[in-house]
Protein backbone atom coordinates (compact mmCIF):
# COMPACT_ATOMS: atom_id res chain seq x y z
CA MET A 1 77.11 -77.70 61.61
CA SER A 2 80.04 -75.71 61.66
CA GLU A 3 80.58 -73.35 64.49
CA GLU A 4 82.07 -70.70 62.46
CA ASN A 5 78.57 -69.38 61.11
CA PRO A 6 76.09 -69.76 63.67
CA ILE A 7 72.60 -68.58 62.58
CA ASP A 8 70.87 -66.52 65.10
CA PRO A 9 67.44 -67.87 65.79
CA ASN A 10 66.04 -64.37 66.24
CA THR A 11 66.88 -63.30 62.83
CA VAL A 12 64.63 -65.81 61.06
CA ARG A 13 61.76 -64.54 63.24
CA GLU A 14 62.58 -60.77 62.60
CA LEU A 15 62.65 -61.63 58.69
CA GLU A 16 59.34 -63.17 58.93
CA ARG A 17 57.96 -60.49 60.95
CA ALA A 18 59.44 -57.86 58.51
CA ARG A 19 57.79 -59.83 55.53
CA ALA A 20 54.50 -59.82 57.31
CA ASP A 21 54.81 -56.13 58.02
CA ILE A 22 55.72 -55.45 54.33
CA LYS A 23 52.66 -57.45 53.15
CA ALA A 24 50.52 -55.42 55.56
CA ILE A 25 51.78 -52.21 54.28
CA ARG A 26 51.40 -53.36 50.65
CA ALA A 27 47.78 -54.23 51.32
CA GLU A 28 47.13 -50.88 53.06
CA LEU A 29 48.91 -49.08 50.07
CA LYS A 30 46.68 -51.10 47.83
CA ASP A 31 43.57 -50.15 49.77
CA ALA A 32 44.88 -46.47 49.82
CA HIS A 33 45.26 -46.42 45.98
CA ALA A 34 41.73 -47.99 45.52
CA ASP A 35 40.30 -45.22 48.01
CA VAL A 36 42.09 -42.46 45.93
CA ASP A 37 40.75 -43.83 42.71
CA ARG A 38 37.33 -44.00 44.10
CA ALA A 39 37.60 -40.39 45.43
CA ARG A 40 38.90 -39.32 42.01
CA LYS A 41 35.89 -41.06 40.23
CA GLU A 42 33.57 -39.40 42.65
CA ARG A 43 35.29 -36.02 42.29
CA ASP A 44 34.88 -36.30 38.49
CA GLY A 45 31.14 -37.24 38.80
CA PHE A 46 30.72 -34.13 41.16
CA LYS A 47 32.31 -32.02 38.64
CA GLY A 48 29.96 -33.34 35.89
CA GLN A 49 27.04 -32.77 38.04
CA LEU A 50 28.30 -29.15 38.96
CA GLU A 51 28.73 -28.41 35.27
CA THR A 52 25.41 -29.86 34.42
CA GLN A 53 23.80 -27.58 37.24
CA LYS A 54 25.81 -24.70 36.40
CA ASN A 55 24.73 -24.94 32.54
CA ALA A 56 21.01 -25.43 33.70
CA PHE A 57 21.07 -22.38 36.18
CA GLU A 58 22.82 -20.19 33.37
CA ALA A 59 20.14 -21.22 31.02
CA GLN A 60 17.41 -20.31 33.53
CA LEU A 61 19.02 -16.92 34.38
CA ALA A 62 19.42 -16.09 30.70
CA GLU A 63 15.58 -16.84 30.24
CA ALA A 64 14.65 -14.97 33.22
CA LYS A 65 16.68 -12.11 32.25
CA THR A 66 15.16 -12.12 28.78
CA ALA A 67 11.61 -12.35 30.44
CA SER A 68 12.53 -9.41 32.67
CA GLU A 69 13.77 -7.22 29.88
CA LYS A 70 10.66 -8.05 27.84
CA ALA A 71 8.42 -7.20 30.77
CA ALA A 72 10.37 -4.04 31.42
CA ALA A 73 9.98 -2.98 27.82
CA ASP A 74 6.26 -3.89 27.92
CA HIS A 75 5.92 -1.87 31.07
CA GLU A 76 7.61 1.15 29.74
CA ALA A 77 5.53 0.97 26.42
CA THR A 78 2.31 0.92 28.46
CA VAL A 79 3.51 3.70 30.66
CA ALA A 80 4.14 5.67 27.60
CA GLN A 81 0.67 4.98 26.26
CA LEU A 82 -1.20 5.74 29.52
CA LYS A 83 0.81 9.08 29.68
CA THR A 84 -0.06 9.85 26.24
CA ALA A 85 -3.71 9.12 26.81
CA GLY A 86 -3.61 10.88 30.19
CA GLU A 87 -2.34 14.09 28.60
CA ARG A 88 -4.82 13.75 25.79
CA ALA A 89 -7.72 13.42 28.19
CA VAL A 90 -6.29 16.52 30.27
CA MET A 91 -5.99 18.53 27.15
CA GLU A 92 -9.52 17.53 25.78
CA ALA A 93 -11.11 18.44 29.30
CA GLN A 94 -9.29 22.07 29.15
CA ALA A 95 -10.48 22.40 25.57
CA GLU A 96 -13.95 21.59 26.55
CA THR A 97 -13.77 24.08 29.42
CA LEU A 98 -12.31 26.77 27.25
CA ALA A 99 -14.95 26.02 24.54
CA THR A 100 -17.69 26.51 27.21
CA ARG A 101 -16.27 29.88 28.22
CA LEU A 102 -16.16 30.83 24.45
CA GLY A 103 -19.99 30.00 24.15
CA ALA A 104 -19.93 26.52 22.52
CA HIS A 105 -23.35 25.05 22.18
CA ASN A 106 -21.84 21.48 22.47
CA PRO A 107 -18.35 21.68 23.86
CA ALA A 108 -17.61 18.01 23.42
CA ASP A 109 -18.60 18.23 19.67
CA VAL A 110 -16.37 21.35 19.30
CA VAL A 111 -13.34 19.55 20.80
CA ARG A 112 -13.84 16.50 18.44
CA LEU A 113 -13.98 18.81 15.26
CA VAL A 114 -11.08 21.04 16.20
CA ASP A 115 -7.50 19.94 15.16
CA LEU A 116 -5.58 19.70 18.32
CA SER A 117 -2.47 18.15 16.77
CA THR A 118 -0.62 21.52 16.92
CA VAL A 119 -1.23 22.02 20.62
CA LYS A 120 1.80 21.13 22.72
CA ARG A 121 2.14 20.99 26.66
CA GLY A 122 4.61 23.48 27.88
CA GLU A 123 7.30 22.96 30.67
CA ASP A 124 5.02 24.77 33.18
CA GLY A 125 2.24 22.21 32.27
CA LYS A 126 0.02 24.45 30.27
CA PHE A 127 -1.19 23.70 26.82
CA GLU A 128 0.45 26.21 24.36
CA GLY A 129 -1.77 26.97 21.41
CA LEU A 130 -5.00 25.74 22.73
CA THR A 131 -6.71 29.19 23.13
CA GLU A 132 -5.76 29.96 19.64
CA ALA A 133 -6.99 26.71 17.98
CA LEU A 134 -10.50 27.16 19.92
CA GLU A 135 -10.74 30.93 18.83
CA ALA A 136 -9.88 29.99 15.18
CA ALA A 137 -12.68 27.34 15.44
CA LYS A 138 -15.06 29.85 16.60
CA THR A 139 -14.23 32.23 13.62
CA GLU A 140 -14.31 29.40 10.97
CA ARG A 141 -17.35 27.39 12.54
CA ALA A 142 -19.47 30.35 14.17
CA TYR A 143 -22.53 28.02 13.98
CA LEU A 144 -21.24 25.94 16.74
CA PHE A 145 -20.85 28.91 19.15
CA GLY A 146 -23.20 31.32 20.88
CA GLU A 147 -23.00 33.90 23.26
CA PRO A 148 -20.69 32.85 26.12
CA PRO A 149 -22.78 32.28 29.32
CA LYS A 150 -22.58 35.15 31.82
CA THR A 151 -21.61 34.89 35.38
CA GLY A 152 -24.27 35.35 38.22
CA ALA A 153 -22.32 38.63 38.95
CA GLU A 154 -22.69 39.71 35.33
CA GLN A 155 -26.41 39.21 35.39
CA GLY A 156 -26.99 40.69 38.77
CA ARG A 157 -28.47 37.47 40.23
CA THR A 158 -25.89 36.94 42.92
CA ILE A 159 -27.71 35.98 46.16
CA THR A 160 -26.08 36.55 49.36
CA ALA A 161 -27.50 34.50 52.21
CA PRO A 162 -27.04 35.56 55.75
CA ALA A 163 -24.41 33.69 57.69
CA PRO A 164 -25.76 30.98 59.86
CA LYS A 165 -26.16 31.68 63.50
CA PRO A 166 -24.10 29.51 65.97
CA GLY A 167 -26.35 27.11 67.95
CA THR A 168 -26.68 27.38 71.71
CA SER A 169 -25.41 24.57 73.86
CA GLU A 170 -27.39 23.12 76.77
CA PRO A 171 -25.87 23.13 80.36
CA VAL A 172 -24.30 19.79 81.16
CA ASN A 173 -25.45 18.00 84.31
CA ALA A 174 -22.65 15.60 85.27
CA ARG A 175 -24.93 14.04 87.91
CA THR A 176 -27.43 12.71 85.29
CA MET A 177 -24.80 12.03 82.60
CA ASP A 178 -23.91 8.59 81.38
CA GLY A 179 -20.55 7.32 82.97
CA LYS A 180 -18.91 6.90 79.43
CA ASP A 181 -19.94 10.43 78.48
CA TYR A 182 -18.72 12.01 81.72
CA GLU A 183 -15.39 10.26 81.20
CA ALA A 184 -15.11 11.60 77.39
CA GLN A 185 -16.13 15.08 78.66
CA LYS A 186 -13.77 14.88 81.50
CA ARG A 187 -10.79 13.91 79.06
CA GLN A 188 -11.76 16.63 76.82
CA PHE A 189 -11.74 19.09 79.42
CA LEU A 190 -8.41 18.20 80.93
CA ALA A 191 -6.82 17.92 77.35
CA SER A 192 -7.97 21.72 76.61
CA LYS A 193 -5.91 22.87 79.57
């Protein structure tokens, strides 16, 4: 061997160690790429699941919203029907009362025969046109009416009873009184002061 170009024995070992390090780094890089690919696939799978769940929830929300709107509309219609029926019942009750005052033999029959479609409820809550409708019925169908009933004051039959007299209280004997009654009387007495 020539002495001019001596080979350093450490260089070969360093090269082998560098090659081994490069192989290890390449293996780690390959593993890292595999991990990245696996993470991307999982991410895409999760995105798909998320989209599926989102679509399902949106469909459920739309169904619930439709059902809620339908229930609200049904509720409003029911309330309107009940309000109309309630106002009709109040109007008929007032009409029966007025028919009785006008001397109707059977006020319920008079109310059924009278056309109450023109009667409207005013802003003050009173029914406008009810008196006129019943008075018109009295003139048109006089056979349904008789003399209006007279009050007791008009007939002179009012009875005035004397006012009741207050009762007398017996004296309380604390010595013979039950313990619970004594405590109740004592609390009542102290509370009145």
